[in-house]
Amino acid sequence: MNAIDKTLTTDITLGHLLDILAAAPEAPLIFHYDGRPVKAGYHVTEVKAGQFSALDCGANPEAWSEIFVQLWDIDEDGRTHMPAGKFSAIIRKVSDHVQLEPSAKLTFEVSDGERPMALYCAASPRLQDGSFLVTLDARPSSCKPRDRWLAEEKAKSSCCAPSSSSSCCS
């Protein structure tokens, strides 16, 4: 098999995002996707939570919680980027009506209203020049059994490769 060795994404959770944003609630929150920042007038148009059960291509059962945050990437009325505290307040308001599990996988759905909505996973927010920057990377599909195998092989080669300095497999 000619497997493509891709970097496995590490999804952040809603709780992780909100914990970091709490450090500077007045800081603008700027999401970056497809090589550019969202426009200053972006909206959070929907937040939804789901519990999923599935069978992967290796017949392994899978189960997880996931929260989807939908962003509408538009300019509107000379607005500035949403402050982190306002984003957090929107999530709190949603959680009054919809059970949001803080440890759930977080997925962003983004569209400018013309192009189709696309799915993204988020990197951990970083405070830079007074703004929170959150990089959104396209969420690829993958073969989970293959990904687990690649992770195991990587762990073996990094931990147990023949080396005089390696002590983890002694």
N, C-alpha and C. Protein backbone atom coordinates (compact mmCIF):
# COMPACT_ATOMS: atom_id res chain seq x y z
N MET A 1 0.85 -1.18 0.00
CA MET A 1 0.00 0.00 0.00
C MET A 1 0.88 1.23 0.00
N ASN A 2 0.57 2.20 -0.82
CA ASN A 2 1.32 3.44 -0.89
C ASN A 2 0.57 4.49 -0.07
N ALA A 3 0.71 4.44 1.24
CA ALA A 3 -0.02 5.33 2.14
C ALA A 3 0.59 6.72 2.10
N ILE A 4 -0.26 7.71 2.10
CA ILE A 4 0.18 9.09 2.17
C ILE A 4 0.41 9.41 3.64
N ASP A 5 1.62 9.80 3.98
CA ASP A 5 1.92 10.13 5.37
C ASP A 5 1.53 11.58 5.61
N LYS A 6 0.38 11.79 6.21
CA LYS A 6 -0.07 13.15 6.47
C LYS A 6 -0.01 13.41 7.97
N THR A 7 0.11 14.68 8.32
CA THR A 7 0.12 15.05 9.72
C THR A 7 -1.29 14.90 10.25
N LEU A 8 -1.42 14.21 11.36
CA LEU A 8 -2.74 14.03 11.97
C LEU A 8 -3.12 15.32 12.68
N THR A 9 -4.34 15.79 12.45
CA THR A 9 -4.77 17.02 13.09
C THR A 9 -5.12 16.74 14.55
N THR A 10 -4.87 17.71 15.36
CA THR A 10 -5.25 17.64 16.76
C THR A 10 -6.36 18.66 16.96
N ASP A 11 -7.55 18.18 17.20
CA ASP A 11 -8.69 19.08 17.37
C ASP A 11 -8.66 19.71 18.75
N ILE A 12 -8.97 21.01 18.79
CA ILE A 12 -9.14 21.63 20.10
C ILE A 12 -10.60 21.45 20.52
N THR A 13 -10.84 21.64 21.78
CA THR A 13 -12.19 21.51 22.31
C THR A 13 -12.79 22.90 22.53
N LEU A 14 -14.09 22.95 22.67
CA LEU A 14 -14.77 24.20 22.97
C LEU A 14 -14.26 24.76 24.30
N GLY A 15 -14.11 23.90 25.30
CA GLY A 15 -13.62 24.35 26.61
C GLY A 15 -12.25 24.97 26.52
N HIS A 16 -11.36 24.36 25.72
CA HIS A 16 -10.01 24.90 25.54
C HIS A 16 -10.08 26.30 24.91
N LEU A 17 -10.88 26.45 23.87
CA LEU A 17 -11.03 27.74 23.20
C LEU A 17 -11.53 28.80 24.18
N LEU A 18 -12.60 28.49 24.91
CA LEU A 18 -13.18 29.47 25.83
C LEU A 18 -12.23 29.81 26.98
N ASP A 19 -11.49 28.83 27.48
CA ASP A 19 -10.52 29.09 28.55
C ASP A 19 -9.46 30.10 28.10
N ILE A 20 -8.95 29.94 26.90
CA ILE A 20 -7.92 30.85 26.41
C ILE A 20 -8.51 32.23 26.14
N LEU A 21 -9.69 32.30 25.56
CA LEU A 21 -10.31 33.59 25.25
C LEU A 21 -10.62 34.39 26.51
N ALA A 22 -10.84 33.71 27.63
CA ALA A 22 -11.17 34.39 28.89
C ALA A 22 -10.01 35.26 29.38
N ALA A 23 -8.80 35.00 28.92
CA ALA A 23 -7.63 35.77 29.36
C ALA A 23 -7.66 37.21 28.86
N ALA A 24 -8.34 37.48 27.76
CA ALA A 24 -8.41 38.83 27.21
C ALA A 24 -9.73 39.01 26.46
N PRO A 25 -10.84 39.16 27.21
CA PRO A 25 -12.15 39.20 26.56
C PRO A 25 -12.35 40.39 25.62
N GLU A 26 -11.59 41.45 25.79
CA GLU A 26 -11.73 42.62 24.93
C GLU A 26 -10.95 42.49 23.61
N ALA A 27 -10.07 41.51 23.52
CA ALA A 27 -9.24 41.34 22.32
C ALA A 27 -10.09 40.89 21.13
N PRO A 28 -9.88 41.49 19.96
CA PRO A 28 -10.58 41.02 18.77
C PRO A 28 -10.26 39.55 18.49
N LEU A 29 -11.26 38.81 18.03
CA LEU A 29 -11.10 37.40 17.70
C LEU A 29 -11.12 37.29 16.18
N ILE A 30 -9.98 36.87 15.62
CA ILE A 30 -9.84 36.82 14.17
C ILE A 30 -9.51 35.39 13.75
N PHE A 31 -10.40 34.81 12.97
CA PHE A 31 -10.19 33.48 12.43
C PHE A 31 -9.50 33.62 11.07
N HIS A 32 -8.53 32.74 10.79
CA HIS A 32 -7.84 32.72 9.50
C HIS A 32 -8.16 31.40 8.82
N TYR A 33 -8.59 31.47 7.56
CA TYR A 33 -8.85 30.25 6.79
C TYR A 33 -8.51 30.51 5.34
N ASP A 34 -8.13 29.48 4.65
CA ASP A 34 -7.79 29.58 3.23
C ASP A 34 -6.81 30.72 2.95
N GLY A 35 -5.87 30.94 3.87
CA GLY A 35 -4.82 31.93 3.67
C GLY A 35 -5.22 33.37 3.94
N ARG A 36 -6.37 33.60 4.54
CA ARG A 36 -6.80 34.97 4.79
C ARG A 36 -7.63 35.05 6.08
N PRO A 37 -7.70 36.24 6.67
CA PRO A 37 -8.54 36.40 7.86
C PRO A 37 -10.01 36.55 7.46
N VAL A 38 -10.90 36.19 8.38
CA VAL A 38 -12.32 36.46 8.15
C VAL A 38 -12.50 37.98 8.11
N LYS A 39 -13.53 38.39 7.43
CA LYS A 39 -13.83 39.83 7.36
C LYS A 39 -14.29 40.32 8.73
N ALA A 40 -14.10 41.60 8.96
CA ALA A 40 -14.39 42.17 10.28
C ALA A 40 -15.86 42.03 10.69
N GLY A 41 -16.77 41.96 9.73
CA GLY A 41 -18.19 41.88 10.08
C GLY A 41 -18.73 40.48 10.23
N TYR A 42 -17.83 39.48 10.38
CA TYR A 42 -18.32 38.09 10.42
C TYR A 42 -19.34 37.87 11.52
N HIS A 43 -20.21 36.90 11.29
CA HIS A 43 -21.24 36.52 12.26
C HIS A 43 -21.05 35.07 12.67
N VAL A 44 -21.43 34.77 13.91
CA VAL A 44 -21.63 33.38 14.33
C VAL A 44 -23.10 33.12 14.05
N THR A 45 -23.38 32.35 13.01
CA THR A 45 -24.77 32.18 12.57
C THR A 45 -25.45 30.97 13.17
N GLU A 46 -24.67 30.01 13.67
CA GLU A 46 -25.28 28.81 14.24
C GLU A 46 -24.24 28.08 15.07
N VAL A 47 -24.68 27.51 16.17
CA VAL A 47 -23.86 26.62 16.99
C VAL A 47 -24.70 25.39 17.24
N LYS A 48 -24.16 24.24 16.91
CA LYS A 48 -24.92 23.00 17.10
C LYS A 48 -24.02 21.94 17.71
N ALA A 49 -24.65 21.05 18.47
CA ALA A 49 -23.92 19.98 19.15
C ALA A 49 -24.49 18.64 18.70
N GLY A 50 -23.59 17.68 18.56
CA GLY A 50 -24.05 16.36 18.15
C GLY A 50 -23.28 15.25 18.83
N GLN A 51 -23.95 14.13 19.00
CA GLN A 51 -23.36 12.90 19.50
C GLN A 51 -23.36 11.94 18.33
N PHE A 52 -22.19 11.41 17.97
CA PHE A 52 -22.08 10.59 16.79
C PHE A 52 -21.62 9.18 17.14
N SER A 53 -22.19 8.23 16.44
CA SER A 53 -21.77 6.83 16.50
C SER A 53 -21.56 6.40 15.07
N ALA A 54 -20.46 5.69 14.83
CA ALA A 54 -20.14 5.31 13.45
C ALA A 54 -19.33 4.03 13.44
N LEU A 55 -19.16 3.50 12.26
CA LEU A 55 -18.30 2.35 12.03
C LEU A 55 -17.31 2.80 10.97
N ASP A 56 -16.00 2.73 11.29
CA ASP A 56 -15.01 3.19 10.32
C ASP A 56 -14.76 2.12 9.26
N CYS A 57 -13.89 2.41 8.30
CA CYS A 57 -13.67 1.51 7.17
C CYS A 57 -12.96 0.22 7.57
N GLY A 58 -12.47 0.14 8.80
CA GLY A 58 -11.87 -1.10 9.29
C GLY A 58 -12.83 -1.86 10.19
N ALA A 59 -14.11 -1.48 10.18
CA ALA A 59 -15.17 -2.08 10.99
C ALA A 59 -14.97 -1.84 12.48
N ASN A 60 -14.29 -0.74 12.83
CA ASN A 60 -14.11 -0.35 14.23
C ASN A 60 -15.20 0.63 14.63
N PRO A 61 -15.90 0.38 15.74
CA PRO A 61 -16.90 1.34 16.19
C PRO A 61 -16.23 2.61 16.67
N GLU A 62 -16.87 3.72 16.37
CA GLU A 62 -16.38 5.04 16.77
C GLU A 62 -17.54 5.77 17.44
N ALA A 63 -17.24 6.60 18.44
CA ALA A 63 -18.26 7.44 19.07
C ALA A 63 -17.57 8.71 19.56
N TRP A 64 -18.23 9.85 19.34
CA TRP A 64 -17.65 11.11 19.79
C TRP A 64 -18.74 12.19 19.86
N SER A 65 -18.40 13.25 20.59
CA SER A 65 -19.23 14.45 20.65
C SER A 65 -18.54 15.51 19.81
N GLU A 66 -19.34 16.30 19.13
CA GLU A 66 -18.77 17.35 18.29
C GLU A 66 -19.64 18.59 18.34
N ILE A 67 -19.01 19.74 18.37
CA ILE A 67 -19.71 21.02 18.34
C ILE A 67 -19.30 21.72 17.05
N PHE A 68 -20.31 22.21 16.33
CA PHE A 68 -20.09 22.93 15.08
C PHE A 68 -20.42 24.41 15.30
N VAL A 69 -19.47 25.26 14.96
CA VAL A 69 -19.68 26.71 15.02
C VAL A 69 -19.66 27.21 13.58
N GLN A 70 -20.76 27.82 13.16
CA GLN A 70 -20.88 28.28 11.78
C GLN A 70 -20.55 29.77 11.72
N LEU A 71 -19.61 30.12 10.84
CA LEU A 71 -19.21 31.51 10.65
C LEU A 71 -19.64 31.98 9.26
N TRP A 72 -20.25 33.14 9.20
CA TRP A 72 -20.61 33.79 7.94
C TRP A 72 -19.61 34.89 7.73
N ASP A 73 -18.75 34.76 6.74
CA ASP A 73 -17.62 35.64 6.50
C ASP A 73 -18.04 36.82 5.62
N ILE A 74 -18.52 37.90 6.27
CA ILE A 74 -18.99 39.08 5.52
C ILE A 74 -18.46 40.35 6.17
N ASP A 75 -18.46 41.42 5.38
CA ASP A 75 -18.25 42.76 5.91
C ASP A 75 -19.61 43.37 6.12
N GLU A 76 -19.78 44.08 7.23
CA GLU A 76 -21.09 44.66 7.47
C GLU A 76 -20.96 45.93 8.29
N ASP A 77 -21.48 47.01 7.76
CA ASP A 77 -21.64 48.27 8.48
C ASP A 77 -20.37 48.75 9.19
N GLY A 78 -19.21 48.59 8.60
CA GLY A 78 -17.98 49.11 9.19
C GLY A 78 -17.63 48.52 10.55
N ARG A 79 -18.12 47.35 10.83
CA ARG A 79 -17.85 46.72 12.13
C ARG A 79 -16.40 46.29 12.22
N THR A 80 -15.94 46.12 13.45
CA THR A 80 -14.61 45.57 13.70
C THR A 80 -14.77 44.11 14.07
N HIS A 81 -13.65 43.39 14.11
CA HIS A 81 -13.71 41.97 14.48
C HIS A 81 -14.33 41.81 15.87
N MET A 82 -15.11 40.79 16.01
CA MET A 82 -15.81 40.50 17.26
C MET A 82 -14.83 40.33 18.42
N PRO A 83 -15.08 40.96 19.56
CA PRO A 83 -14.23 40.71 20.74
C PRO A 83 -14.40 39.27 21.24
N ALA A 84 -13.36 38.74 21.81
CA ALA A 84 -13.38 37.37 22.34
C ALA A 84 -14.51 37.19 23.34
N GLY A 85 -14.75 38.21 24.17
CA GLY A 85 -15.82 38.14 25.17
C GLY A 85 -17.20 38.03 24.54
N LYS A 86 -17.42 38.70 23.41
CA LYS A 86 -18.72 38.60 22.73
C LYS A 86 -18.90 37.19 22.16
N PHE A 87 -17.84 36.64 21.55
CA PHE A 87 -17.91 35.27 21.05
C PHE A 87 -18.27 34.32 22.20
N SER A 88 -17.59 34.48 23.34
CA SER A 88 -17.86 33.62 24.51
C SER A 88 -19.29 33.80 25.00
N ALA A 89 -19.81 35.03 24.97
CA ALA A 89 -21.19 35.29 25.40
C ALA A 89 -22.19 34.59 24.47
N ILE A 90 -21.89 34.58 23.17
CA ILE A 90 -22.76 33.87 22.22
C ILE A 90 -22.79 32.39 22.56
N ILE A 91 -21.63 31.82 22.84
CA ILE A 91 -21.56 30.39 23.19
C ILE A 91 -22.32 30.14 24.50
N ARG A 92 -22.17 31.02 25.48
CA ARG A 92 -22.91 30.85 26.75
C ARG A 92 -24.42 30.90 26.51
N LYS A 93 -24.87 31.82 25.65
CA LYS A 93 -26.30 31.92 25.36
C LYS A 93 -26.80 30.63 24.70
N VAL A 94 -26.03 30.10 23.76
CA VAL A 94 -26.40 28.83 23.12
C VAL A 94 -26.48 27.74 24.16
N SER A 95 -25.51 27.72 25.08
CA SER A 95 -25.48 26.64 26.08
C SER A 95 -26.65 26.71 27.05
N ASP A 96 -27.34 27.85 27.11
CA ASP A 96 -28.58 27.93 27.90
C ASP A 96 -29.70 27.08 27.27
N HIS A 97 -29.59 26.80 25.98
CA HIS A 97 -30.65 26.09 25.26
C HIS A 97 -30.22 24.74 24.69
N VAL A 98 -28.92 24.60 24.43
CA VAL A 98 -28.37 23.39 23.82
C VAL A 98 -27.23 22.90 24.70
N GLN A 99 -27.23 21.63 25.04
CA GLN A 99 -26.16 21.10 25.88
C GLN A 99 -24.85 21.08 25.08
N LEU A 100 -23.88 21.89 25.50
CA LEU A 100 -22.58 21.95 24.86
C LEU A 100 -21.55 21.31 25.78
N GLU A 101 -20.99 20.21 25.36
CA GLU A 101 -19.98 19.48 26.13
C GLU A 101 -18.63 20.17 25.94
N PRO A 102 -18.04 20.74 27.01
CA PRO A 102 -16.77 21.45 26.86
C PRO A 102 -15.64 20.61 26.27
N SER A 103 -15.70 19.29 26.45
CA SER A 103 -14.63 18.42 25.93
C SER A 103 -14.91 17.92 24.51
N ALA A 104 -15.99 18.39 23.89
CA ALA A 104 -16.35 17.94 22.54
C ALA A 104 -15.38 18.48 21.51
N LYS A 105 -15.16 17.69 20.47
CA LYS A 105 -14.37 18.11 19.32
C LYS A 105 -15.04 19.34 18.71
N LEU A 106 -14.25 20.30 18.27
CA LEU A 106 -14.78 21.56 17.75
C LEU A 106 -14.51 21.65 16.24
N THR A 107 -15.57 21.89 15.48
CA THR A 107 -15.46 22.05 14.03
C THR A 107 -16.09 23.38 13.64
N PHE A 108 -15.43 24.09 12.74
CA PHE A 108 -15.97 25.34 12.23
C PHE A 108 -16.48 25.11 10.81
N GLU A 109 -17.64 25.67 10.53
CA GLU A 109 -18.22 25.68 9.19
C GLU A 109 -18.15 27.14 8.72
N VAL A 110 -17.50 27.38 7.59
CA VAL A 110 -17.30 28.76 7.15
C VAL A 110 -17.75 28.92 5.71
N SER A 111 -18.44 30.03 5.45
CA SER A 111 -18.82 30.40 4.09
C SER A 111 -18.98 31.91 4.02
N ASP A 112 -18.74 32.44 2.84
CA ASP A 112 -18.96 33.87 2.61
C ASP A 112 -20.35 34.14 2.05
N GLY A 113 -21.19 33.13 2.01
CA GLY A 113 -22.54 33.27 1.49
C GLY A 113 -22.64 33.00 0.00
N GLU A 114 -21.50 32.91 -0.67
CA GLU A 114 -21.49 32.59 -2.10
C GLU A 114 -20.84 31.24 -2.36
N ARG A 115 -19.68 31.02 -1.77
CA ARG A 115 -19.01 29.73 -1.93
C ARG A 115 -19.65 28.73 -0.99
N PRO A 116 -19.57 27.43 -1.31
CA PRO A 116 -20.14 26.42 -0.42
C PRO A 116 -19.47 26.45 0.96
N MET A 117 -20.22 26.08 1.95
CA MET A 117 -19.68 25.99 3.30
C MET A 117 -18.60 24.92 3.32
N ALA A 118 -17.52 25.18 4.06
CA ALA A 118 -16.43 24.22 4.19
C ALA A 118 -16.17 23.96 5.67
N LEU A 119 -15.66 22.77 5.98
CA LEU A 119 -15.38 22.36 7.36
C LEU A 119 -13.91 22.59 7.69
N TYR A 120 -13.67 23.09 8.91
CA TYR A 120 -12.32 23.39 9.37
C TYR A 120 -12.13 22.94 10.81
N CYS A 121 -10.90 22.55 11.12
CA CYS A 121 -10.53 22.31 12.51
C CYS A 121 -9.68 23.51 12.94
N ALA A 122 -9.70 23.82 14.21
CA ALA A 122 -9.04 25.03 14.71
C ALA A 122 -7.77 24.70 15.47
N ALA A 123 -6.77 25.54 15.26
CA ALA A 123 -5.55 25.48 16.07
C ALA A 123 -5.84 26.24 17.36
N SER A 124 -5.00 26.04 18.33
CA SER A 124 -5.15 26.75 19.60
C SER A 124 -5.00 28.25 19.37
N PRO A 125 -5.88 29.07 19.95
CA PRO A 125 -5.78 30.52 19.76
C PRO A 125 -4.47 31.06 20.33
N ARG A 126 -3.94 32.08 19.66
CA ARG A 126 -2.75 32.75 20.18
C ARG A 126 -3.01 34.25 20.18
N LEU A 127 -2.56 34.89 21.24
CA LEU A 127 -2.71 36.34 21.37
C LEU A 127 -1.51 36.99 20.70
N GLN A 128 -1.77 37.78 19.67
CA GLN A 128 -0.69 38.41 18.90
C GLN A 128 -1.11 39.84 18.57
N ASP A 129 -0.27 40.79 18.95
CA ASP A 129 -0.53 42.21 18.68
C ASP A 129 -1.91 42.64 19.17
N GLY A 130 -2.33 42.13 20.33
CA GLY A 130 -3.59 42.54 20.94
C GLY A 130 -4.83 41.84 20.40
N SER A 131 -4.67 40.90 19.48
CA SER A 131 -5.82 40.16 18.92
C SER A 131 -5.60 38.66 19.11
N PHE A 132 -6.71 37.95 19.29
CA PHE A 132 -6.63 36.49 19.26
C PHE A 132 -6.70 36.04 17.82
N LEU A 133 -5.73 35.21 17.42
CA LEU A 133 -5.71 34.64 16.08
C LEU A 133 -5.97 33.15 16.20
N VAL A 134 -6.91 32.66 15.42
CA VAL A 134 -7.24 31.24 15.40
C VAL A 134 -7.14 30.77 13.95
N THR A 135 -6.19 29.90 13.69
CA THR A 135 -6.01 29.35 12.36
C THR A 135 -6.96 28.17 12.16
N LEU A 136 -7.71 28.24 11.09
CA LEU A 136 -8.63 27.16 10.72
C LEU A 136 -8.04 26.42 9.53
N ASP A 137 -7.85 25.12 9.68
CA ASP A 137 -7.34 24.28 8.59
C ASP A 137 -8.46 23.39 8.08
N ALA A 138 -8.49 23.23 6.77
CA ALA A 138 -9.52 22.38 6.16
C ALA A 138 -9.49 21.01 6.81
N ARG A 139 -10.66 20.50 7.10
CA ARG A 139 -10.77 19.18 7.74
C ARG A 139 -10.80 18.12 6.65
N PRO A 140 -9.68 17.35 6.52
CA PRO A 140 -9.64 16.32 5.49
C PRO A 140 -10.36 15.05 5.94
N SER A 141 -10.78 14.27 4.98
CA SER A 141 -11.26 12.93 5.33
C SER A 141 -10.04 12.03 5.43
N SER A 142 -10.19 10.92 6.10
CA SER A 142 -9.06 10.01 6.26
C SER A 142 -9.55 8.61 6.58
N CYS A 143 -8.62 7.70 6.55
CA CYS A 143 -8.88 6.32 6.93
C CYS A 143 -8.38 6.17 8.37
N LYS A 144 -9.29 6.04 9.32
CA LYS A 144 -8.89 6.00 10.73
C LYS A 144 -7.99 4.81 11.07
N PRO A 145 -8.25 3.60 10.56
CA PRO A 145 -7.32 2.50 10.85
C PRO A 145 -5.91 2.81 10.34
N ARG A 146 -5.81 3.37 9.14
CA ARG A 146 -4.51 3.73 8.60
C ARG A 146 -3.85 4.81 9.45
N ASP A 147 -4.62 5.81 9.89
CA ASP A 147 -4.08 6.88 10.72
C ASP A 147 -3.55 6.33 12.04
N ARG A 148 -4.30 5.37 12.64
CA ARG A 148 -3.83 4.77 13.90
C ARG A 148 -2.54 4.00 13.66
N TRP A 149 -2.47 3.26 12.54
CA TRP A 149 -1.27 2.50 12.21
C TRP A 149 -0.08 3.44 12.02
N LEU A 150 -0.28 4.55 11.29
CA LEU A 150 0.80 5.52 11.07
C LEU A 150 1.27 6.12 12.40
N ALA A 151 0.32 6.42 13.30
CA ALA A 151 0.70 6.97 14.60
C ALA A 151 1.51 5.95 15.40
N GLU A 152 1.10 4.67 15.35
CA GLU A 152 1.85 3.62 16.06
C GLU A 152 3.26 3.48 15.48
N GLU A 153 3.36 3.50 14.14
CA GLU A 153 4.68 3.38 13.50
C GLU A 153 5.57 4.56 13.85
N LYS A 154 4.98 5.75 13.88
CA LYS A 154 5.75 6.95 14.24
C LYS A 154 6.23 6.85 15.68
N ALA A 155 5.37 6.37 16.58
CA ALA A 155 5.76 6.21 17.98
C ALA A 155 6.88 5.20 18.13
N LYS A 156 6.78 4.10 17.38
CA LYS A 156 7.83 3.08 17.44
C LYS A 156 9.15 3.63 16.94
N SER A 157 9.13 4.34 15.82
CA SER A 157 10.37 4.83 15.23
C SER A 157 10.98 5.96 16.05
N SER A 158 10.16 6.76 16.72
CA SER A 158 10.72 7.85 17.49
C SER A 158 11.15 7.39 18.89
N CYS A 159 10.53 6.37 19.39
CA CYS A 159 10.82 5.91 20.75
C CYS A 159 11.77 4.72 20.77
N CYS A 160 11.58 3.81 19.89
CA CYS A 160 12.29 2.54 19.99
C CYS A 160 13.24 2.28 18.84
N ALA A 161 13.58 3.30 18.07
CA ALA A 161 14.54 3.12 16.98
C ALA A 161 15.90 2.81 17.60
N PRO A 162 16.69 2.00 16.95
CA PRO A 162 18.02 1.71 17.50
C PRO A 162 18.80 3.00 17.71
N SER A 163 19.14 3.24 18.94
CA SER A 163 19.88 4.45 19.28
C SER A 163 20.53 4.25 20.63
N SER A 164 21.73 4.72 20.75
CA SER A 164 22.41 4.59 22.05
C SER A 164 21.85 5.55 23.08
N SER A 165 21.15 6.60 22.60
CA SER A 165 20.60 7.57 23.56
C SER A 165 19.17 7.30 23.94
N SER A 166 18.52 6.31 23.32
CA SER A 166 17.14 6.01 23.61
C SER A 166 17.05 5.16 24.89
N SER A 167 16.26 5.66 25.84
CA SER A 167 16.10 4.91 27.08
C SER A 167 14.69 4.39 27.28
N CYS A 168 13.75 4.74 26.39
CA CYS A 168 12.36 4.37 26.63
C CYS A 168 12.10 2.90 26.40
N CYS A 169 12.90 2.21 25.64
CA CYS A 169 12.63 0.80 25.35
C CYS A 169 13.73 -0.10 25.94
N SER A 170 14.47 0.41 26.86
CA SER A 170 15.58 -0.38 27.46
C SER A 170 15.05 -1.49 28.29
